[in-house]
PDB file of N, CA and C in Angstrom:
ATOM      1  N   MET A   1      93.088 100.713 104.883  1.00  0.00           N
ATOM      2  CA  MET A   1      91.680 100.863 105.185  1.00  0.00           C
ATOM      3  C   MET A   1      91.252  99.828 106.231  1.00  0.00           C
ATOM      4  N   ALA A   2      91.840  98.626 106.169  1.00  0.00           N
ATOM      5  CA  ALA A   2      91.486  97.605 107.162  1.00  0.00           C
ATOM      6  C   ALA A   2      91.829  98.075 108.571  1.00  0.00           C
ATOM      7  N   THR A   3      92.980  98.715 108.727  1.00  0.00           N
ATOM      8  CA  THR A   3      93.380  99.229 110.040  1.00  0.00           C
ATOM      9  C   THR A   3      92.407 100.296 110.508  1.00  0.00           C
ATOM     10  N   THR A   4      92.047 101.206 109.642  1.00  0.00           N
ATOM     11  CA  THR A   4      91.137 102.292 109.996  1.00  0.00           C
ATOM     12  C   THR A   4      89.767 101.752 110.394  1.00  0.00           C
ATOM     13  N   LYS A   5      89.244 100.838 109.622  1.00  0.00           N
ATOM     14  CA  LYS A   5      87.916 100.280 109.913  1.00  0.00           C
ATOM     15  C   LYS A   5      87.937  99.473 111.211  1.00  0.00           C
ATOM     16  N   LEU A   6      88.973  98.640 111.387  1.00  0.00           N
ATOM     17  CA  LEU A   6      89.071  97.854 112.608  1.00  0.00           C
ATOM     18  C   LEU A   6      89.234  98.759 113.831  1.00  0.00           C
ATOM     19  N   ALA A   7      90.040  99.803 113.709  1.00  0.00           N
ATOM     20  CA  ALA A   7      90.223 100.750 114.810  1.00  0.00           C
ATOM     21  C   ALA A   7      88.895 101.399 115.188  1.00  0.00           C
ATOM     22  N   HIS A   8      88.116 101.780 114.188  1.00  0.00           N
ATOM     23  CA  HIS A   8      86.806 102.385 114.425  1.00  0.00           C
ATOM     24  C   HIS A   8      85.893 101.404 115.172  1.00  0.00           C
ATOM     25  N   ASP A   9      85.904 100.148 114.746  1.00  0.00           N
ATOM     26  CA  ASP A   9      85.045  99.140 115.369  1.00  0.00           C
ATOM     27  C   ASP A   9      85.480  98.795 116.793  1.00  0.00           C
ATOM     28  N   MET A  10      86.776  98.831 117.077  1.00  0.00           N
ATOM     29  CA  MET A  10      87.301  98.397 118.366  1.00  0.00           C
ATOM     30  C   MET A  10      87.427  99.523 119.396  1.00  0.00           C
ATOM     31  N   LYS A  11      87.397 100.754 118.938  1.00  0.00           N
ATOM     32  CA  LYS A  11      87.583 101.896 119.850  1.00  0.00           C
ATOM     33  C   LYS A  11      86.580 101.906 120.996  1.00  0.00           C
ATOM     34  N   PRO A  12      85.288 101.623 120.774  1.00  0.00           N
ATOM     35  CA  PRO A  12      84.345 101.619 121.895  1.00  0.00           C
ATOM     36  C   PRO A  12      84.701 100.598 122.988  1.00  0.00           C
ATOM     37  N   ASP A  13      85.462  99.579 122.612  1.00  0.00           N
ATOM     38  CA  ASP A  13      85.890  98.565 123.578  1.00  0.00           C
ATOM     39  C   ASP A  13      87.232  98.910 124.217  1.00  0.00           C
ATOM     40  N   GLY A  14      87.782 100.084 123.878  1.00  0.00           N
ATOM     41  CA  GLY A  14      89.045 100.517 124.455  1.00  0.00           C
ATOM     42  C   GLY A  14      90.269  99.844 123.860  1.00  0.00           C
ATOM     43  N   ILE A  15      90.126  99.315 122.651  1.00  0.00           N
ATOM     44  CA  ILE A  15      91.233  98.610 121.995  1.00  0.00           C
ATOM     45  C   ILE A  15      91.852  99.502 120.921  1.00  0.00           C
ATOM     46  N   THR A  16      93.168  99.678 120.998  1.00  0.00           N
ATOM     47  CA  THR A  16      93.913 100.483 120.038  1.00  0.00           C
ATOM     48  C   THR A  16      94.377  99.607 118.891  1.00  0.00           C
ATOM     49  N   VAL A  17      94.184 100.073 117.667  1.00  0.00           N
ATOM     50  CA  VAL A  17      94.612  99.356 116.463  1.00  0.00           C
ATOM     51  C   VAL A  17      95.519 100.278 115.660  1.00  0.00           C
ATOM     52  N   MET A  18      96.712  99.772 115.324  1.00  0.00           N
ATOM     53  CA  MET A  18      97.674 100.559 114.555  1.00  0.00           C
ATOM     54  C   MET A  18      98.331  99.677 113.497  1.00  0.00           C
ATOM     55  N   ALA A  19      98.923 100.326 112.512  1.00  0.00           N
ATOM     56  CA  ALA A  19      99.751  99.637 111.517  1.00  0.00           C
ATOM     57  C   ALA A  19     101.168 100.173 111.677  1.00  0.00           C
ATOM     58  N   PHE A  20     102.170  99.329 111.401  1.00  0.00           N
ATOM     59  CA  PHE A  20     103.558  99.712 111.605  1.00  0.00           C
ATOM     60  C   PHE A  20     104.409  99.444 110.369  1.00  0.00           C
ATOM     61  N   HIS A  21     105.370 100.329 110.159  1.00  0.00           N
ATOM     62  CA  HIS A  21     106.390 100.149 109.122  1.00  0.00           C
ATOM     63  C   HIS A  21     107.706  99.970 109.865  1.00  0.00           C
ATOM     64  N   PRO A  22     108.322  98.800 109.783  1.00  0.00           N
ATOM     65  CA  PRO A  22     109.537  98.540 110.557  1.00  0.00           C
ATOM     66  C   PRO A  22     110.774  99.256 110.027  1.00  0.00           C
ATOM     67  N   GLY A  23     110.699  99.801 108.834  1.00  0.00           N
ATOM     68  CA  GLY A  23     111.868 100.445 108.235  1.00  0.00           C
ATOM     69  C   GLY A  23     112.611  99.483 107.308  1.00  0.00           C
ATOM     70  N   TRP A  24     113.685 100.000 106.735  1.00  0.00           N
ATOM     71  CA  TRP A  24     114.508  99.207 105.822  1.00  0.00           C
ATOM     72  C   TRP A  24     115.580  98.531 106.671  1.00  0.00           C
ATOM     73  N   ILE A  25     115.416  97.231 106.894  1.00  0.00           N
ATOM     74  CA  ILE A  25     116.224  96.493 107.853  1.00  0.00           C
ATOM     75  C   ILE A  25     117.256  95.606 107.157  1.00  0.00           C
ATOM     76  N   ARG A  26     118.470  95.574 107.737  1.00  0.00           N
ATOM     77  CA  ARG A  26     119.552  94.720 107.230  1.00  0.00           C
ATOM     78  C   ARG A  26     119.232  93.262 107.502  1.00  0.00           C
ATOM     79  N   THR A  27     118.670  92.618 106.502  1.00  0.00           N
ATOM     80  CA  THR A  27     118.366  91.184 106.535  1.00  0.00           C
ATOM     81  C   THR A  27     118.736  90.636 105.167  1.00  0.00           C
ATOM     82  N   ASP A  28     118.514  89.355 104.963  1.00  0.00           N
ATOM     83  CA  ASP A  28     118.748  88.784 103.632  1.00  0.00           C
ATOM     84  C   ASP A  28     117.899  89.518 102.598  1.00  0.00           C
ATOM     85  N   MET A  29     116.695  89.868 102.983  1.00  0.00           N
ATOM     86  CA  MET A  29     115.794  90.547 102.058  1.00  0.00           C
ATOM     87  C   MET A  29     116.154  92.035 101.914  1.00  0.00           C
ATOM     88  N   GLY A  30     116.464  92.708 103.027  1.00  0.00           N
ATOM     89  CA  GLY A  30     116.764  94.130 103.002  1.00  0.00           C
ATOM     90  C   GLY A  30     118.137  94.455 102.435  1.00  0.00           C
ATOM     91  N   GLY A  31     119.047  93.519 102.547  1.00  0.00           N
ATOM     92  CA  GLY A  31     120.393  93.713 102.017  1.00  0.00           C
ATOM     93  C   GLY A  31     121.329  94.417 102.978  1.00  0.00           C
ATOM     94  N   GLU A  32     122.585  94.416 102.632  1.00  0.00           N
ATOM     95  CA  GLU A  32     123.620  94.966 103.513  1.00  0.00           C
ATOM     96  C   GLU A  32     123.624  96.490 103.582  1.00  0.00           C
ATOM     97  N   HIS A  33     122.986  97.143 102.626  1.00  0.00           N
ATOM     98  CA  HIS A  33     122.959  98.608 102.615  1.00  0.00           C
ATOM     99  C   HIS A  33     121.741  99.201 103.323  1.00  0.00           C
ATOM    100  N   ALA A  34     120.886  98.348 103.877  1.00  0.00           N
ATOM    101  CA  ALA A  34     119.696  98.827 104.588  1.00  0.00           C
ATOM    102  C   ALA A  34     120.112  99.695 105.777  1.00  0.00           C
ATOM    103  N   GLU A  35     119.229 100.575 106.179  1.00  0.00           N
ATOM    104  CA  GLU A  35     119.540 101.581 107.196  1.00  0.00           C
ATOM    105  C   GLU A  35     119.546 101.071 108.631  1.00  0.00           C
ATOM    106  N   LEU A  36     118.765 100.055 108.948  1.00  0.00           N
ATOM    107  CA  LEU A  36     118.551  99.665 110.346  1.00  0.00           C
ATOM    108  C   LEU A  36     118.989  98.249 110.660  1.00  0.00           C
ATOM    109  N   GLU A  37     119.470  98.083 111.888  1.00  0.00           N
ATOM    110  CA  GLU A  37     119.682  96.756 112.429  1.00  0.00           C
ATOM    111  C   GLU A  37     118.339  96.240 112.932  1.00  0.00           C
ATOM    112  N   THR A  38     118.174  94.949 112.933  1.00  0.00           N
ATOM    113  CA  THR A  38     116.926  94.333 113.389  1.00  0.00           C
ATOM    114  C   THR A  38     116.576  94.781 114.803  1.00  0.00           C
ATOM    115  N   ARG A  39     117.552  94.788 115.689  1.00  0.00           N
ATOM    116  CA  ARG A  39     117.303  95.157 117.090  1.00  0.00           C
ATOM    117  C   ARG A  39     116.784  96.598 117.221  1.00  0.00           C
ATOM    118  N   GLU A  40     117.326  97.505 116.413  1.00  0.00           N
ATOM    119  CA  GLU A  40     116.900  98.901 116.475  1.00  0.00           C
ATOM    120  C   GLU A  40     115.431  99.044 116.079  1.00  0.00           C
ATOM    121  N   SER A  41     115.055  98.382 114.996  1.00  0.00           N
ATOM    122  CA  SER A  41     113.670  98.435 114.547  1.00  0.00           C
ATOM    123  C   SER A  41     112.741  97.789 115.570  1.00  0.00           C
ATOM    124  N   ALA A  42     113.120  96.613 116.042  1.00  0.00           N
ATOM    125  CA  ALA A  42     112.284  95.897 117.013  1.00  0.00           C
ATOM    126  C   ALA A  42     112.115  96.698 118.297  1.00  0.00           C
ATOM    127  N   ALA A  43     113.179  97.355 118.770  1.00  0.00           N
ATOM    128  CA  ALA A  43     113.089  98.164 119.984  1.00  0.00           C
ATOM    129  C   ALA A  43     112.124  99.332 119.783  1.00  0.00           C
ATOM    130  N   GLY A  44     112.177  99.956 118.608  1.00  0.00           N
ATOM    131  CA  GLY A  44     111.269 101.059 118.315  1.00  0.00           C
ATOM    132  C   GLY A  44     109.824 100.603 118.259  1.00  0.00           C
ATOM    133  N   LEU A  45     109.578  99.473 117.618  1.00  0.00           N
ATOM    134  CA  LEU A  45     108.211  98.955 117.534  1.00  0.00           C
ATOM    135  C   LEU A  45     107.693  98.563 118.911  1.00  0.00           C
ATOM    136  N   LYS A  46     108.568  97.975 119.725  1.00  0.00           N
ATOM    137  CA  LYS A  46     108.182  97.600 121.091  1.00  0.00           C
ATOM    138  C   LYS A  46     107.795  98.833 121.897  1.00  0.00           C
ATOM    139  N   ARG A  47     108.574  99.907 121.780  1.00  0.00           N
ATOM    140  CA  ARG A  47     108.265 101.158 122.477  1.00  0.00           C
ATOM    141  C   ARG A  47     106.887 101.688 122.059  1.00  0.00           C
ATOM    142  N   LEU A  48     106.621 101.654 120.747  1.00  0.00           N
ATOM    143  CA  LEU A  48     105.326 102.138 120.259  1.00  0.00           C
ATOM    144  C   LEU A  48     104.174 101.309 120.820  1.00  0.00           C
ATOM    145  N   LEU A  49     104.350  99.998 120.846  1.00  0.00           N
ATOM    146  CA  LEU A  49     103.305  99.122 121.376  1.00  0.00           C
ATOM    147  C   LEU A  49     103.076  99.357 122.865  1.00  0.00           C
ATOM    148  N   GLU A  50     104.143  99.531 123.611  1.00  0.00           N
ATOM    149  CA  GLU A  50     104.022  99.748 125.055  1.00  0.00           C
ATOM    150  C   GLU A  50     103.321 101.058 125.387  1.00  0.00           C
ATOM    151  N   ASN A  51     103.450 102.045 124.517  1.00  0.00           N
ATOM    152  CA  ASN A  51     102.882 103.369 124.775  1.00  0.00           C
ATOM    153  C   ASN A  51     101.611 103.662 123.978  1.00  0.00           C
ATOM    154  N   ALA A  52     101.086 102.675 123.288  1.00  0.00           N
ATOM    155  CA  ALA A  52      99.904 102.882 122.454  1.00  0.00           C
ATOM    156  C   ALA A  52      98.680 103.191 123.312  1.00  0.00           C
ATOM    157  N   THR A  53      97.941 104.201 122.893  1.00  0.00           N
ATOM    158  CA  THR A  53      96.693 104.582 123.563  1.00  0.00           C
ATOM    159  C   THR A  53      95.633 104.819 122.486  1.00  0.00           C
ATOM    160  N   LEU A  54      94.430 105.044 122.919  1.00  0.00           N
ATOM    161  CA  LEU A  54      93.368 105.336 121.961  1.00  0.00           C
ATOM    162  C   LEU A  54      93.619 106.628 121.192  1.00  0.00           C
ATOM    163  N   ALA A  55      94.473 107.490 121.713  1.00  0.00           N
ATOM    164  CA  ALA A  55      94.789 108.741 121.017  1.00  0.00           C
ATOM    165  C   ALA A  55      95.508 108.487 119.696  1.00  0.00           C
ATOM    166  N   VAL A  56      96.150 107.325 119.553  1.00  0.00           N
ATOM    167  CA  VAL A  56      96.890 107.024 118.322  1.00  0.00           C
ATOM    168  C   VAL A  56      96.248 105.900 117.510  1.00  0.00           C
ATOM    169  N   THR A  57      95.048 105.493 117.911  1.00  0.00           N
ATOM    170  CA  THR A  57      94.397 104.417 117.168  1.00  0.00           C
ATOM    171  C   THR A  57      94.132 104.843 115.726  1.00  0.00           C
ATOM    172  N   ALA A  58      94.176 103.907 114.826  1.00  0.00           N
ATOM    173  CA  ALA A  58      93.949 104.111 113.387  1.00  0.00           C
ATOM    174  C   ALA A  58      95.099 104.826 112.699  1.00  0.00           C
ATOM    175  N   THR A  59      96.286 104.835 113.327  1.00  0.00           N
ATOM    176  CA  THR A  59      97.431 105.483 112.697  1.00  0.00           C
ATOM    177  C   THR A  59      98.389 104.454 112.114  1.00  0.00           C
ATOM    178  N   PHE A  60      99.260 104.929 111.246  1.00  0.00           N
ATOM    179  CA  PHE A  60     100.303 104.124 110.613  1.00  0.00           C
ATOM    180  C   PHE A  60     101.618 104.777 111.015  1.00  0.00           C
ATOM    181  N   ARG A  61     102.461 104.063 111.762  1.00  0.00           N
ATOM    182  CA  ARG A  61     103.678 104.634 112.321  1.00  0.00           C
ATOM    183  C   ARG A  61     104.925 103.887 111.857  1.00  0.00           C
ATOM    184  N   THR A  62     106.007 104.650 111.725  1.00  0.00           N
ATOM    185  CA  THR A  62     107.305 104.048 111.439  1.00  0.00           C
ATOM    186  C   THR A  62     107.902 103.552 112.753  1.00  0.00           C
ATOM    187  N   HIS A  63     108.967 102.791 112.659  1.00  0.00           N
ATOM    188  CA  HIS A  63     109.610 102.222 113.848  1.00  0.00           C
ATOM    189  C   HIS A  63     110.033 103.284 114.861  1.00  0.00           C
ATOM    190  N   ASP A  64     110.268 104.507 114.397  1.00  0.00           N
ATOM    191  CA  ASP A  64     110.697 105.579 115.289  1.00  0.00           C
ATOM    192  C   ASP A  64     109.551 106.519 115.673  1.00  0.00           C
ATOM    193  N   GLY A  65     108.324 106.113 115.387  1.00  0.00           N
ATOM    194  CA  GLY A  65     107.148 106.837 115.852  1.00  0.00           C
ATOM    195  C   GLY A  65     106.575 107.872 114.916  1.00  0.00           C
ATOM    196  N   LEU A  66     107.210 108.094 113.778  1.00  0.00           N
ATOM    197  CA  LEU A  66     106.670 109.082 112.834  1.00  0.00           C
ATOM    198  C   LEU A  66     105.357 108.602 112.245  1.00  0.00           C
ATOM    199  N   ASN A  67     104.431 109.511 112.101  1.00  0.00           N
ATOM    200  CA  ASN A  67     103.128 109.189 111.517  1.00  0.00           C
ATOM    201  C   ASN A  67     103.241 109.187 110.000  1.00  0.00           C
ATOM    202  N   VAL A  68     102.799 108.100 109.379  1.00  0.00           N
ATOM    203  CA  VAL A  68     102.789 107.986 107.925  1.00  0.00           C
ATOM    204  C   VAL A  68     101.359 108.295 107.483  1.00  0.00           C
ATOM    205  N   GLY A  69     101.203 109.279 106.634  1.00  0.00           N
ATOM    206  CA  GLY A  69      99.860 109.621 106.155  1.00  0.00           C
ATOM    207  C   GLY A  69      99.286 108.520 105.271  1.00  0.00           C
ATOM    208  N   TRP A  70      98.022 108.273 105.449  1.00  0.00           N
ATOM    209  CA  TRP A  70      97.356 107.271 104.624  1.00  0.00           C
ATOM    210  C   TRP A  70      97.215 107.827 103.243  1.00  0.00           C
TER     211      TRP A  70
END
C-alpha cells in the first residue's frame, strides 16, 4: 500500500514508484538451492529501473519483469 500511495502522490511530478522482488537468490540466506545467482537478479532489476516509466508506476515486479498482483 505504501508503494501505491507514494506512486499516486508522485505521479503528477513525473516520478515513477515501484516495488521489486529480487527472486530466490543463492546467498547465505537464500541457500545453495536457490534459483538465481546474485548477478542475474541484479541485472534484471537494473533493466527494470532503466526502463521504468509512468506506465508502470505503482506496480510490483519480479527481477524478470513479471507483474506481481497486489
